[in-house]
Amino acid sequence: MAITASTLATRDDETRNSKSTGPAGYDALAPADAARYLGVGYSTLKKWRSEGTGPRYAKIGGCILYRPRDLEAFLEAQLVS
C-alpha cells in the first residue's frame, strides 16, 4: 500500500503535534510520525504507551514526543537472533 498525503493525516489526534521538532529545537517526532517510522499503526503506538511496553517518550504540556534515538533503541531491542 502506497503512503499518500491522505493516509498520513487521517485523524486530528494523530496529527495534532505533527511538527518534527519539539520545544526549543528538541529533535522529536509526533506520535503519528513515530508510528510511521516504526511501521506500526497509530493505535498500536497508543496502546503500547498505555501498557508501558513501547518506546520511551516525553510528555510535555500534554504533547507526546518521541526522540529518534529512543525509536532506534526500541527497534534494536526487538531484534531476534
Protein backbone atom coordinates (compact mmCIF):
# COMPACT_ATOMS: atom_id res chain seq x y z
CA MET A 1 0.00 0.00 0.00
CA ALA A 2 1.43 3.35 -1.02
CA ILE A 3 1.58 6.10 1.55
CA THR A 4 -0.23 9.20 0.33
CA ALA A 5 -0.89 12.57 1.89
CA SER A 6 -4.42 11.46 2.80
CA THR A 7 -3.19 8.36 4.64
CA LEU A 8 -0.61 10.37 6.57
CA ALA A 9 -3.13 12.77 8.05
CA THR A 10 -6.35 10.87 8.62
CA ARG A 11 -7.12 11.76 12.22
CA ASP A 12 -6.89 15.07 14.06
CA ASP A 13 -5.41 13.47 17.18
CA GLU A 14 -2.74 11.77 15.08
CA THR A 15 -1.57 14.99 13.53
CA ARG A 16 -2.10 17.36 16.45
CA ASN A 17 1.65 17.54 17.11
CA SER A 18 2.86 16.93 13.58
CA LYS A 19 5.99 19.08 13.76
CA SER A 20 9.21 17.09 13.70
CA THR A 21 10.92 19.47 16.09
CA GLY A 22 9.71 19.74 19.62
CA PRO A 23 10.11 22.60 22.07
CA ALA A 24 13.23 24.76 21.79
CA GLY A 25 14.62 22.77 18.87
CA TYR A 26 14.31 19.42 20.69
CA ASP A 27 14.62 16.84 17.91
CA ALA A 28 11.44 14.80 18.29
CA LEU A 29 8.59 13.19 16.38
CA ALA A 30 4.86 13.38 16.98
CA PRO A 31 3.11 10.06 17.68
CA ALA A 32 1.75 9.72 14.13
CA ASP A 33 5.23 10.28 12.69
CA ALA A 34 6.79 7.88 15.21
CA ALA A 35 4.24 5.20 14.30
CA ARG A 36 5.07 5.57 10.59
CA TYR A 37 8.79 5.43 11.43
CA LEU A 38 8.28 2.13 13.28
CA GLY A 39 5.93 0.75 10.67
CA VAL A 40 3.02 0.31 13.06
CA GLY A 41 -0.39 1.91 13.36
CA TYR A 42 -1.03 4.98 15.46
CA SER A 43 -3.41 2.97 17.66
CA THR A 44 -0.72 0.33 18.26
CA LEU A 45 1.69 3.01 19.47
CA LYS A 46 -1.04 4.47 21.68
CA LYS A 47 -1.74 1.00 23.15
CA TRP A 48 1.96 0.47 23.82
CA ARG A 49 2.08 3.79 25.69
CA SER A 50 -0.84 2.79 27.90
CA GLU A 51 0.73 -0.63 28.58
CA GLY A 52 4.23 0.79 29.11
CA THR A 53 5.68 -1.60 26.52
CA GLY A 54 6.59 0.71 23.64
CA PRO A 55 9.46 3.09 23.03
CA ARG A 56 10.35 5.82 25.51
CA TYR A 57 8.58 9.13 25.03
CA ALA A 58 8.35 12.57 26.58
CA LYS A 59 5.12 14.24 27.62
CA ILE A 60 5.50 18.00 27.64
CA GLY A 61 2.45 20.14 28.30
CA GLY A 62 0.13 17.39 27.13
CA CYS A 63 2.14 16.81 23.91
CA ILE A 64 3.68 13.40 23.41
CA LEU A 65 7.04 13.40 21.63
CA TYR A 66 9.40 10.61 20.59
CA ARG A 67 13.14 11.10 20.14
CA PRO A 68 14.56 9.32 17.09
CA ARG A 69 17.29 7.74 19.24
CA ASP A 70 14.62 6.19 21.51
CA LEU A 71 12.79 4.77 18.49
CA GLU A 72 16.08 3.29 17.24
CA ALA A 73 16.80 1.81 20.68
CA PHE A 74 13.32 0.26 20.73
CA LEU A 75 13.88 -1.29 17.29
CA GLU A 76 17.27 -2.66 18.39
CA ALA A 77 15.68 -4.22 21.47
CA GLN A 78 13.16 -6.04 19.23
CA LEU A 79 15.83 -7.85 17.19
CA VAL A 80 15.71 -11.62 17.41
CA SER A 81 18.88 -13.66 16.97
